[in-house]
Every structure is written in C-alpha cells, then in structure tokens.
C-alpha cells in the first residue's frame, strides 16, 4: 500500500477523526513517520486529518501531530499558505495556550515557519496570535522561548504588524530577551528590535526602558562570541542612531574598543555591520574627536588596502574619513594610513563604481588642505596621475569627474605632479575644454583655476596657447565682460 495512496488516506481519516485516543495516536504516529521520509509534496487531502489531530484532547497526539507538521513545513513538503487557507492556523494557535511545553514548542515552530509568508503574517495577527507568542517568549522552557522569539521576529517583517506588537507590549519582552543565555534567542530578539528600529517612530518607546538599558545591552552584545549576534547588535544600534543625541550616547558608553575589535573580525558580515554603525556615529560632530584616534584611522586605512573588492567596507571607510576631515584632525589623519589606503584604492581594478565615487570625494576633501595635499605627493606616481586624469575626463559621472579634477588642481603646483602630468597634456586639455563649456559654474571656475596654475609651467603654457583652450578662454572672458557691463547698467538703473 502506497504511503500516500487512496487507501492510506481513507485509513488516516478514519483514525484521525475517531474519538478513541489510541486510534488517533496511530494516525499521528503515521504522519510523524511520513514527515521523516517523504520527499514529495503533501496533498490538500492529506492535510484534512490534521483538523482532528491538532484538536485532540490527547497530549501525545498533540505532540506527534504538531511535530510532524513542523517537519513537513521545514522540508517544504507542505505549501505554507495552504495550511492557513485550509483553516489549520486556529487549532495551531490554540495549542500555544495548552500546558504541555513540547506542544507549545512545536506550535511556535509552526507559527515561525508560517510567518515567513506576508499573507500568513497578517492572518496570524488578525486571529490574535501575537499575545500568546509574547507570553511564551517568557517561558522557562528554552525551546519554547526560542521558537516564540523566532515567530515574533518573522512577524516584525511587516510594518503594520510592528504597530500591533508594540501596542501589545513586545518592546519590553524583546529587550529582556537580549539577556537570554541562549544565543539563538539573543539573535532573534535583537533582529526583531532591529526591524522595529527601522521606523524612527518606535525609537522613543524603545529607549524609554531604564536609563539607556537597551543601548547598554546592545553594546554588551557587540562582544558576543556568536558572530551573527554581534553583527545584529551593530545593525540595531545603527538603526537607532538617527539623532545626534543617540549617537552621542552610544559613543559615551565606550563603544569604540568593541567596534575596533569587530572591524578586525574574520567575518565579512561583522565587519560590514560594524563599519556601517561607525559611519553613522561619525556623522555627529561631537563624536569626531573621539573617533579620530590613531588606532581607528589606521584600521580604516588597513581596510581600504586589504578589502578593495568589498563595496560596503570601501564606501563606508571613505565616508567615515571624509566626516573626520577637520582642521584640528588633519595631523592625525596624515600620520595614519588613510591617505595611502584611499589613493591605492582608486588604482584597484576590483573597486566598484559607487564606492570609488566615495573614495574620490574623500580624497578631494583631503586635497583642499595644503598640508594633506603635500602629504599625498609621496604616493603620486605615473599610474595614479593617469587614473586621476582619466576620471576627470569621464563627464558622464559628474561628481567623480569634478572631484578628480579638483584633486589635480590642488596638487598641480608641485613640480613632481606637473612633471607627471606632461604625459597627459592632450587628455587634460580635453577635460578642461569640457569644463569651460559646462553649464555648471563650478566646473567653469575649476577649469579656469586649473589653467591658471598650468600656465606657470612654460611647457603647459605653450601647449595651452597653441590649443583651442585659448579660444574658449577668450570667449569666456568676453562673455564675462559683457555680463559685467549689463549688470552695471541694471544696478545703476535701480539706484536712480
């Protein structure tokens, strides 16, 4: 007789809907055996006996039937949406409120798996599944607590359900679960809180518990030996760090040592999560002095030198350094490996377009400071100059083009740079021509100031006089004079 044949199905129905607990146990045991060996899909007809089995008054039947349903769901033998559509959600939720911890554990696991579907999340919430799950999250049984926390996590993926969870008291429950000795519970609760923290409207309620209790607990989790827990703690802190006040509070809790440790992690996820949090914290001017320490700057420089193919690490590292570029910090930045890391990054064939743009913008900001521009000269060579000239000529990428040309303009007064640029006179003339005719004033001004500096060199001066650049400059000069005359007429007329 086939495991899923017609005769087997009729026998299962008879046993399941019997009022004899012993017969129901036989049906439940058969399903449990089937859930451990089935490799095909379970049909809708084979789900029907679960109506009776899940609502049985016999604990063993409840245990075996709920476990088999978990197995089927986890192995993909049952369509999750079909379970809800057939009305099995209500009896599953009813099992949550029974006293047997094994039944509760299995039922929570069912809900957790079902809640991976958006439509199922809505159904679970609409029939009152939130309250019993929150109650079981406080269970003394670690298995129940873990599955309840996992189910709550999946529910937080829906924005409108987040409102229900907060209203029903999920925030204090999830916050306390962060201190669980079970790393899975820590991860589930921390991820759920991260999802809630995406919406800044929840922040006040999240931070209201105790005096910085949530922030302190999350910071303590940064030191977790379980990588996904420390990574998720970073994500939650980053989502919370929207206002300058919270950013300052996090820094004041001595988070820097943990972040430095995480940046040195062998886990890419941990590194990416920690540098994203650091970028958020670096946006607050009050934090920048603390963050501009030698160890942090050298760590950022090292990341740039060793992770050029990682767009998250490269992009965030460049943005952090850019945030820290202040006159009082320049000496410390120059003494670090940041400049070297940034300059060598733009030469890498592995660096992606978007993070490259952030790197160029950071270098342009550094080049504005005379001491830093001079400091960058030690890494300026033929390949780097060629790269900058090429980037300046790519006008389809407006910002990187402008920033690369700005770097050149700031270092062009040094003989070493002018000497290297002489191999690229035609390319320079080409991008300067485009700058002078650009519709944005800043491009025109940068083009003119670059030409002025180039003319200090006899070879460049001769090349410019013999090129179309001079004609463009004459036209710009005439247009400027005409504009000034018109403006004088307008101003004089207004004064009459």
Protein backbone atom coordinates (compact mmCIF):
# COMPACT_ATOMS: atom_id res chain seq x y z
CA UNK A 1 0.00 0.00 0.00
CA UNK A 2 1.39 3.41 -1.03
CA UNK A 3 2.28 5.85 1.73
CA UNK A 4 0.13 8.49 0.06
CA UNK A 5 -2.33 6.24 -1.69
CA UNK A 6 -6.14 6.43 -1.56
CA UNK A 7 -6.44 3.53 0.86
CA UNK A 8 -3.86 5.07 3.21
CA UNK A 9 -5.71 8.37 3.14
CA UNK A 10 -9.06 6.76 3.98
CA UNK A 11 -7.47 4.85 6.86
CA UNK A 12 -5.83 8.04 8.20
CA UNK A 13 -9.13 9.91 8.10
CA UNK A 14 -10.87 7.13 9.99
CA UNK A 15 -8.17 7.01 12.66
CA UNK A 16 -7.78 10.79 13.00
CA UNK A 17 -11.48 11.58 13.36
CA UNK A 18 -12.02 8.74 15.81
CA UNK A 19 -12.88 9.59 19.40
CA UNK A 20 -10.52 6.85 20.52
CA UNK A 21 -7.18 8.40 21.60
CA UNK A 22 -5.35 5.19 20.78
CA UNK A 23 -6.53 5.28 17.17
CA UNK A 24 -5.67 8.96 16.90
CA UNK A 25 -2.19 8.16 18.19
CA UNK A 26 -1.77 5.65 15.37
CA UNK A 27 -2.67 8.32 12.81
CA UNK A 28 -0.37 10.88 14.44
CA UNK A 29 2.47 8.35 14.54
CA UNK A 30 1.95 7.56 10.85
CA UNK A 31 2.20 11.27 9.97
CA UNK A 32 5.33 11.59 12.10
CA UNK A 33 6.92 8.67 10.26
CA UNK A 34 5.82 10.14 6.93
CA UNK A 35 7.30 13.56 7.79
CA UNK A 36 10.71 11.96 8.27
CA UNK A 37 10.77 10.12 4.95
CA UNK A 38 8.55 11.96 2.47
CA UNK A 39 10.32 13.58 -0.47
CA UNK A 40 7.26 14.77 -2.39
CA UNK A 41 4.52 17.33 -1.71
CA UNK A 42 1.72 16.51 0.71
CA UNK A 43 -1.66 16.97 -0.95
CA UNK A 44 -4.53 19.05 0.36
CA UNK A 45 -6.49 15.87 1.11
CA UNK A 46 -3.69 14.65 3.38
CA UNK A 47 -3.88 17.87 5.41
CA UNK A 48 -7.54 17.35 6.31
CA UNK A 49 -6.89 14.81 9.13
CA UNK A 50 -4.88 17.49 10.93
CA UNK A 51 -8.15 19.22 11.85
CA UNK A 52 -8.91 16.40 14.24
CA UNK A 53 -5.36 15.56 15.33
CA UNK A 54 -4.44 19.11 16.34
CA UNK A 55 -7.65 19.45 18.33
CA UNK A 56 -7.31 16.08 20.04
CA UNK A 57 -7.59 16.01 23.80
CA UNK A 58 -4.70 13.53 23.96
CA UNK A 59 -1.32 15.15 24.66
CA UNK A 60 0.65 12.51 22.75
CA UNK A 61 -1.48 13.08 19.68
CA UNK A 62 -0.93 16.84 20.01
CA UNK A 63 2.81 16.34 20.36
CA UNK A 64 3.24 13.98 17.40
CA UNK A 65 0.87 15.78 15.03
CA UNK A 66 2.36 19.24 15.74
CA UNK A 67 5.90 17.85 15.32
CA UNK A 68 5.06 16.18 12.01
CA UNK A 69 3.53 19.42 10.76
CA UNK A 70 6.73 21.28 11.70
CA UNK A 71 8.80 18.69 9.81
CA UNK A 72 6.62 18.96 6.71
CA UNK A 73 6.84 22.76 6.76
CA UNK A 74 10.58 22.85 7.27
CA UNK A 75 11.22 20.34 4.50
CA UNK A 76 8.89 22.14 2.13
CA UNK A 77 6.51 19.20 1.79
CA UNK A 78 3.56 21.49 2.53
CA UNK A 79 2.68 24.83 0.99
CA UNK A 80 2.71 27.33 3.91
CA UNK A 81 -0.15 29.40 2.53
CA UNK A 82 -2.26 26.28 2.02
CA UNK A 83 -2.03 25.43 5.72
CA UNK A 84 -3.59 28.78 6.59
CA UNK A 85 -6.11 28.68 3.75
CA UNK A 86 -7.41 25.33 4.99
CA UNK A 87 -8.12 26.77 8.43
CA UNK A 88 -5.38 24.97 10.36
CA UNK A 89 -3.99 28.19 11.83
CA UNK A 90 -6.62 28.47 14.56
CA UNK A 91 -6.03 24.99 16.05
CA UNK A 92 -2.27 25.59 15.90
CA UNK A 93 -2.69 28.84 17.85
CA UNK A 94 -4.95 27.10 20.36
CA UNK A 95 -2.12 24.67 21.13
CA UNK A 96 0.04 27.65 22.21
CA UNK A 97 -2.16 28.09 25.27
CA UNK A 98 -2.03 24.46 26.41
CA UNK A 99 0.20 23.49 29.30
CA UNK A 100 2.49 20.97 27.59
CA UNK A 101 5.81 22.60 26.70
CA UNK A 102 6.56 20.16 23.86
CA UNK A 103 3.25 21.01 22.20
CA UNK A 104 3.93 24.72 22.73
CA UNK A 105 7.42 24.36 21.29
CA UNK A 106 6.16 22.60 18.16
CA UNK A 107 3.28 25.05 17.71
CA UNK A 108 5.63 28.04 17.99
CA UNK A 109 7.87 26.43 15.38
CA UNK A 110 4.85 26.05 13.08
CA UNK A 111 3.94 29.71 13.55
CA UNK A 112 7.53 30.79 12.98
CA UNK A 113 7.65 28.91 9.66
CA UNK A 114 4.22 30.06 8.56
CA UNK A 115 5.08 33.68 9.38
CA UNK A 116 7.74 33.67 6.68
CA UNK A 117 4.86 34.50 4.31
CA UNK A 118 3.43 38.04 4.22
CA UNK A 119 -0.20 36.90 3.88
CA UNK A 120 0.25 34.42 6.72
CA UNK A 121 1.67 37.12 8.99
CA UNK A 122 -1.48 39.11 8.51
CA UNK A 123 -3.63 36.05 9.25
CA UNK A 124 -1.68 35.21 12.41
CA UNK A 125 -2.09 38.74 13.71
CA UNK A 126 -5.75 39.06 12.77
CA UNK A 127 -6.73 35.94 14.76
CA UNK A 128 -4.90 37.09 17.87
CA UNK A 129 -1.63 35.17 17.57
CA UNK A 130 0.55 37.97 18.93
CA UNK A 131 -0.47 37.81 22.59
CA UNK A 132 0.19 34.08 23.20
CA UNK A 133 3.53 34.33 21.38
CA UNK A 134 4.63 37.21 23.61
CA UNK A 135 3.56 35.21 26.67
CA UNK A 136 5.57 32.16 25.55
CA UNK A 137 8.63 34.34 24.88
CA UNK A 138 8.87 34.48 28.69
CA UNK A 139 8.64 30.69 29.01
CA UNK A 140 11.02 28.86 31.32
CA UNK A 141 11.46 26.22 28.64
CA UNK A 142 14.34 27.40 26.39
CA UNK A 143 12.92 25.52 23.38
CA UNK A 144 9.58 27.29 23.66
CA UNK A 145 11.24 30.64 24.26
CA UNK A 146 13.49 30.22 21.24
CA UNK A 147 10.69 29.32 18.82
CA UNK A 148 8.39 32.03 20.19
CA UNK A 149 11.15 34.62 19.70
CA UNK A 150 11.69 33.33 16.16
CA UNK A 151 7.98 33.63 15.39
CA UNK A 152 7.89 37.21 16.74
CA UNK A 153 10.94 38.04 14.61
CA UNK A 154 9.18 36.92 11.44
CA UNK A 155 6.12 38.96 12.37
CA UNK A 156 8.24 42.14 12.68
CA UNK A 157 8.94 41.99 8.94
CA UNK A 158 5.53 43.60 8.36
CA UNK A 159 5.33 47.31 9.16
CA UNK A 160 1.68 47.37 10.24
CA UNK A 161 2.19 44.29 12.45
CA UNK A 162 5.02 46.14 14.17
CA UNK A 163 2.40 48.59 15.43
CA UNK A 164 0.36 45.71 16.85
CA UNK A 165 3.41 44.17 18.51
CA UNK A 166 4.39 47.44 20.16
CA UNK A 167 0.85 48.04 21.32
CA UNK A 168 0.68 44.57 22.86
CA UNK A 169 3.91 45.05 24.82
CA UNK A 170 6.54 43.43 22.60
CA UNK A 171 9.27 46.01 23.28
CA UNK A 172 9.99 45.17 26.95
CA UNK A 173 9.72 41.45 26.18
CA UNK A 174 12.23 41.63 23.32
CA UNK A 175 14.56 43.90 25.28
CA UNK A 176 14.72 41.46 28.19
CA UNK A 177 15.30 38.55 25.81
CA UNK A 178 18.58 40.19 24.78
CA UNK A 179 19.96 38.97 28.13
CA UNK A 180 18.96 35.37 27.48
CA UNK A 181 21.77 32.80 27.89
CA UNK A 182 20.60 31.28 24.60
CA UNK A 183 22.41 32.89 21.64
CA UNK A 184 19.55 31.99 19.28
CA UNK A 185 17.09 33.88 21.47
CA UNK A 186 19.52 36.80 21.60
CA UNK A 187 19.77 36.78 17.82
CA UNK A 188 16.02 36.54 17.23
CA UNK A 189 15.17 39.29 19.69
CA UNK A 190 17.99 41.55 18.51
CA UNK A 191 16.93 41.12 14.87
CA UNK A 192 13.30 41.80 15.77
CA UNK A 193 14.36 45.00 17.56
CA UNK A 194 16.47 45.95 14.51
CA UNK A 195 13.39 45.60 12.32
CA UNK A 196 11.37 47.76 14.71
CA UNK A 197 14.15 50.35 14.89
CA UNK A 198 13.99 50.91 11.12
CA UNK A 199 10.93 53.03 11.91
CA UNK A 200 12.09 56.02 13.95
CA UNK A 201 8.60 56.38 15.42
CA UNK A 202 9.41 53.40 17.65
CA UNK A 203 12.66 54.86 18.98
CA UNK A 204 11.24 56.80 21.90
CA UNK A 205 9.40 53.76 23.24
CA UNK A 206 12.40 51.50 22.64
CA UNK A 207 14.77 53.76 24.55
CA UNK A 208 12.34 54.52 27.37
CA UNK A 209 13.07 51.31 29.28
CA UNK A 210 15.56 52.11 32.07
CA UNK A 211 18.32 54.65 31.69
CA UNK A 212 20.00 53.54 28.48
CA UNK A 213 19.23 49.88 29.26
CA UNK A 214 18.66 48.91 25.62
CA UNK A 215 21.77 50.71 24.37
CA UNK A 216 23.94 49.22 27.11
CA UNK A 217 22.64 45.72 26.44
CA UNK A 218 23.18 46.04 22.70
CA UNK A 219 26.71 47.34 23.24
CA UNK A 220 27.44 44.39 25.53
CA UNK A 221 26.27 42.06 22.73
CA UNK A 222 28.91 43.53 20.43
CA UNK A 223 31.37 41.39 22.37
CA UNK A 224 29.37 38.20 21.77
CA UNK A 225 31.38 35.23 20.55
CA UNK A 226 28.48 34.40 18.21
CA UNK A 227 29.13 36.43 15.06
CA UNK A 228 25.52 36.81 13.97
CA UNK A 229 24.60 38.20 17.40
CA UNK A 230 27.37 40.82 17.43
CA UNK A 231 26.60 41.68 13.81
CA UNK A 232 22.88 42.13 14.52
CA UNK A 233 23.63 44.25 17.61
CA UNK A 234 25.55 46.60 15.28
CA UNK A 235 22.59 46.73 12.91
CA UNK A 236 20.17 47.54 15.73
CA UNK A 237 22.42 50.29 17.11
CA UNK A 238 22.84 51.75 13.63
CA UNK A 239 19.08 51.83 13.09
CA UNK A 240 18.63 53.54 16.44
CA UNK A 241 21.44 56.07 15.90
CA UNK A 242 19.34 58.54 13.93
CA UNK A 243 19.54 61.59 16.18
CA UNK A 244 22.77 63.22 17.32
CA UNK A 245 21.71 62.62 20.93
CA UNK A 246 21.59 58.85 20.49
CA UNK A 247 24.85 58.91 18.52
CA UNK A 248 26.49 60.80 21.38
CA UNK A 249 25.02 58.41 23.96
CA UNK A 250 26.45 55.39 22.15
CA UNK A 251 29.93 56.92 21.95
CA UNK A 252 29.74 57.92 25.61
CA UNK A 253 29.22 54.24 26.51
CA UNK A 254 32.79 53.48 25.38
CA UNK A 255 31.76 51.57 22.27
CA UNK A 256 34.98 52.28 20.37
CA UNK A 257 37.06 49.32 21.65
CA UNK A 258 34.31 46.87 20.65
CA UNK A 259 33.98 48.43 17.21
CA UNK A 260 37.73 48.24 16.61
CA UNK A 261 37.65 44.58 17.56
CA UNK A 262 34.74 43.90 15.20
CA UNK A 263 36.45 45.72 12.32
CA UNK A 264 39.32 43.26 12.70
CA UNK A 265 36.96 40.26 12.61
CA UNK A 266 37.43 37.50 10.06
CA UNK A 267 33.70 37.65 9.35
CA UNK A 268 32.68 39.91 6.46
CA UNK A 269 29.18 40.33 7.89
CA UNK A 270 30.57 41.52 11.22
CA UNK A 271 32.98 43.93 9.54
CA UNK A 272 30.28 45.37 7.30
CA UNK A 273 27.79 45.79 10.17
CA UNK A 274 30.36 47.46 12.43
CA UNK A 275 31.67 49.88 9.82
CA UNK A 276 28.09 50.88 8.91
CA UNK A 277 27.47 51.70 12.59
CA UNK A 278 30.75 53.61 12.77
CA UNK A 279 29.76 55.65 9.71
CA UNK A 280 26.51 56.58 11.41
CA UNK A 281 28.32 57.64 14.58
CA UNK A 282 30.88 59.69 12.63
CA UNK A 283 28.13 61.97 11.32
CA UNK A 284 27.80 63.71 14.69
CA UNK A 285 30.44 66.49 15.04
CA UNK A 286 30.59 65.87 18.78
CA UNK A 287 31.86 62.32 18.18
CA UNK A 288 34.51 63.14 15.62
CA UNK A 289 37.32 63.97 18.03
CA UNK A 290 36.87 60.64 19.83
CA UNK A 291 36.79 58.71 16.56
CA UNK A 292 39.89 60.42 15.15
CA UNK A 293 42.31 58.32 17.15
CA UNK A 294 45.38 56.66 15.66
CA UNK A 295 44.07 53.13 16.05
CA UNK A 296 40.76 53.90 14.36
CA UNK A 297 42.37 55.79 11.46
CA UNK A 298 44.95 53.08 10.84
CA UNK A 299 42.25 50.43 10.97
CA UNK A 300 40.28 52.30 8.29
CA UNK A 301 43.40 52.67 6.17
CA UNK A 302 44.17 48.97 6.50
CA UNK A 303 40.62 48.04 5.50
CA UNK A 304 40.98 50.13 2.34
CA UNK A 305 44.29 48.50 1.50
CA UNK A 306 43.10 44.93 2.03
CA UNK A 307 39.40 44.91 1.07
CA UNK A 308 39.26 46.83 -2.21
CA UNK A 309 36.69 44.43 -3.68
CA UNK A 310 34.23 44.92 -0.81
CA UNK A 311 31.96 47.85 -1.77
CA UNK A 312 30.45 48.15 1.73
CA UNK A 313 33.79 48.39 3.54
CA UNK A 314 35.40 50.69 0.95
CA UNK A 315 32.43 53.03 0.64
CA UNK A 316 31.82 53.37 4.37
CA UNK A 317 35.53 53.73 5.21
CA UNK A 318 35.85 56.61 2.72
CA UNK A 319 32.71 58.30 4.07
CA UNK A 320 33.93 58.00 7.67
CA UNK A 321 37.31 59.53 6.86
CA UNK A 322 35.56 62.33 4.96
CA UNK A 323 33.40 63.05 8.03
CA UNK A 324 36.53 63.27 10.18
CA UNK A 325 38.36 65.74 7.91
CA UNK A 326 38.52 68.84 10.07
CA UNK A 327 41.45 71.26 10.52
CA UNK A 328 42.14 70.02 14.05
CA UNK A 329 42.24 66.39 12.85
CA UNK A 330 44.48 66.79 9.79
CA UNK A 331 47.74 65.97 11.53
CA UNK A 332 46.37 62.69 12.90
CA UNK A 333 44.90 61.75 9.53
CA UNK A 334 48.20 62.45 7.77
CA UNK A 335 50.08 60.34 10.30
CA UNK A 336 47.76 57.39 9.61
CA UNK A 337 47.49 55.07 6.61
CA UNK A 338 44.24 56.67 5.42
CA UNK A 339 45.71 58.66 2.52
CA UNK A 340 47.68 55.66 1.31
CA UNK A 341 44.61 53.43 1.52
CA UNK A 342 42.43 55.89 -0.38
CA UNK A 343 44.96 56.54 -3.14
CA UNK A 344 45.76 52.89 -3.76
CA UNK A 345 42.06 52.04 -3.78
CA UNK A 346 41.40 54.13 -6.89
CA UNK A 347 44.09 52.14 -8.71
CA UNK A 348 42.49 48.81 -7.92
CA UNK A 349 40.69 47.04 -10.78
CA UNK A 350 38.49 45.37 -8.15
CA UNK A 351 36.93 48.51 -6.71
CA UNK A 352 33.32 49.04 -7.78
CA UNK A 353 31.93 52.25 -9.24
CA UNK A 354 29.85 53.54 -6.32
CA UNK A 355 32.49 53.10 -3.57
CA UNK A 356 35.07 54.57 -5.96
CA UNK A 357 32.99 57.73 -6.10
CA UNK A 358 33.08 57.98 -2.30
CA UNK A 359 36.85 57.46 -2.29
CA UNK A 360 37.39 60.23 -4.88
CA UNK A 361 35.17 62.61 -2.90
CA UNK A 362 37.16 61.90 0.26
CA UNK A 363 40.50 62.46 -1.48
CA UNK A 364 39.21 65.74 -2.94
CA UNK A 365 38.30 66.89 0.56
CA UNK A 366 41.76 65.94 1.84
CA UNK A 367 43.44 67.73 -1.06
CA UNK A 368 41.81 71.03 -0.04
CA UNK A 369 44.13 71.12 2.98
CA UNK A 370 47.60 72.24 1.98
CA UNK A 371 49.44 70.01 4.41
CA UNK A 372 47.45 66.97 3.36
CA UNK A 373 47.90 67.70 -0.34
CA UNK A 374 51.66 67.87 0.19
CA UNK A 375 51.50 64.65 2.23
CA UNK A 376 49.76 62.87 -0.69
CA UNK A 377 52.68 63.59 -3.01
CA UNK A 378 54.72 60.65 -1.73
CA UNK A 379 52.24 58.25 -3.39
CA UNK A 380 51.79 60.25 -6.58
CA UNK A 381 53.25 58.30 -9.49
CA UNK A 382 52.55 57.79 -13.20
CA UNK A 383 49.77 55.24 -12.66
CA UNK A 384 47.96 57.37 -10.06
CA UNK A 385 48.15 60.55 -12.14
CA UNK A 386 46.93 58.65 -15.21
CA UNK A 387 43.99 57.34 -13.20
CA UNK A 388 43.04 60.82 -11.93
CA UNK A 389 43.22 62.33 -15.41
CA UNK A 390 41.07 59.51 -16.78
CA UNK A 391 38.47 60.00 -14.04
CA UNK A 392 38.43 63.77 -14.62
CA UNK A 393 37.62 63.13 -18.28
CA UNK A 394 34.60 60.90 -17.56
CA UNK A 395 31.99 63.65 -17.57
CA UNK A 396 29.16 61.12 -17.66
CA UNK A 397 30.00 60.61 -13.97
CA UNK A 398 29.57 64.23 -12.91
CA UNK A 399 30.72 64.19 -9.31
CA UNK A 400 33.74 61.83 -9.64
CA UNK A 401 34.87 63.81 -12.69
CA UNK A 402 34.71 67.09 -10.78
CA UNK A 403 36.38 65.66 -7.66
CA UNK A 404 39.23 64.03 -9.61
CA UNK A 405 39.88 67.32 -11.43
CA UNK A 406 39.76 69.11 -8.07
CA UNK A 407 42.47 66.79 -6.69
CA UNK A 408 44.66 67.52 -9.70
CA UNK A 409 44.08 71.27 -9.31
CA UNK A 410 45.16 71.20 -5.66
CA UNK A 411 48.39 69.25 -6.21
CA UNK A 412 49.34 70.74 -9.58
CA UNK A 413 51.53 73.44 -8.06
CA UNK A 414 54.12 70.81 -7.09
CA UNK A 415 56.86 70.15 -9.63
CA UNK A 416 56.57 66.36 -9.27
CA UNK A 417 52.91 66.41 -10.27
CA UNK A 418 53.43 68.83 -13.17
CA UNK A 419 56.18 66.60 -14.49
CA UNK A 420 53.91 63.54 -14.35
CA UNK A 421 51.03 65.44 -15.98
CA UNK A 422 53.08 66.37 -19.05
CA UNK A 423 52.49 62.89 -20.45
CA UNK A 424 48.77 63.64 -20.48
CA UNK A 425 48.61 67.16 -21.94
CA UNK A 426 46.03 66.23 -24.60
CA UNK A 427 43.75 64.47 -22.12
CA UNK A 428 43.99 67.41 -19.71
CA UNK A 429 43.17 69.89 -22.46
CA UNK A 430 40.18 67.76 -23.42
CA UNK A 431 38.59 67.68 -19.98
CA UNK A 432 39.42 71.35 -19.34
CA UNK A 433 37.68 72.25 -22.63
CA UNK A 434 34.59 70.39 -21.44
CA UNK A 435 34.78 72.10 -18.06
CA UNK A 436 34.99 75.58 -19.59
CA UNK A 437 31.84 74.93 -21.65
CA UNK A 438 29.99 73.13 -18.86
CA UNK A 439 26.64 74.58 -17.80
CA UNK A 440 27.60 74.46 -14.11
CA UNK A 441 29.60 77.45 -12.88
CA UNK A 442 31.71 75.33 -10.53
CA UNK A 443 33.10 73.35 -13.49
CA UNK A 444 33.94 76.54 -15.34
CA UNK A 445 35.66 78.02 -12.29
CA UNK A 446 37.64 74.82 -11.66
CA UNK A 447 38.69 74.73 -15.30
CA UNK A 448 39.89 78.35 -15.22
CA UNK A 449 41.78 77.95 -11.94
CA UNK A 450 43.48 74.79 -13.28
CA UNK A 451 44.56 76.60 -16.46
CA UNK A 452 45.97 79.45 -14.36
CA UNK A 453 48.16 77.04 -12.41
CA UNK A 454 49.23 75.15 -15.53
CA UNK A 455 50.37 78.35 -17.21
CA UNK A 456 53.02 78.76 -14.53
CA UNK A 457 54.88 75.99 -16.36
CA UNK A 458 56.39 77.07 -19.74
CA UNK A 459 55.63 73.79 -21.48
CA UNK A 460 51.99 73.78 -20.40
CA UNK A 461 51.68 77.50 -21.16
CA UNK A 462 52.89 76.95 -24.72
CA UNK A 463 50.55 73.98 -25.21
CA UNK A 464 47.57 76.00 -23.98
CA UNK A 465 48.36 78.97 -26.28
CA UNK A 466 48.51 76.64 -29.27
CA UNK A 467 45.25 74.85 -28.44
CA UNK A 468 41.54 75.62 -28.68
CA UNK A 469 41.59 76.22 -24.93
CA UNK A 470 42.80 79.74 -25.52
CA UNK A 471 39.87 80.45 -27.85
CA UNK A 472 37.45 79.18 -25.23
CA UNK A 473 39.10 81.30 -22.56
CA UNK A 474 38.80 84.38 -24.79
CA UNK A 475 35.10 83.71 -25.33
CA UNK A 476 34.56 83.21 -21.60
CA UNK A 477 36.44 86.46 -20.96
CA UNK A 478 34.28 88.37 -23.46
CA UNK A 479 31.08 86.88 -22.07
CA UNK A 480 32.16 87.83 -18.57
CA UNK A 481 32.92 91.43 -19.59
CA UNK A 482 29.57 91.74 -21.36
CA UNK A 483 27.79 90.27 -18.34
CA UNK A 484 29.55 92.72 -16.02
CA UNK A 485 28.55 95.66 -18.24
CA UNK A 486 24.92 94.56 -18.26
CA UNK A 487 24.95 94.10 -14.51
CA UNK A 488 26.37 97.59 -14.03
CA UNK A 489 23.60 99.04 -16.20
CA UNK A 490 20.94 97.17 -14.22
CA UNK A 491 22.42 98.22 -10.86
CA UNK A 492 22.78 101.85 -11.96
CA UNK A 493 19.21 101.85 -13.21
CA UNK A 494 17.98 100.50 -9.87
CA UNK A 495 19.88 103.24 -8.00
CA UNK A 496 18.16 106.02 -9.97
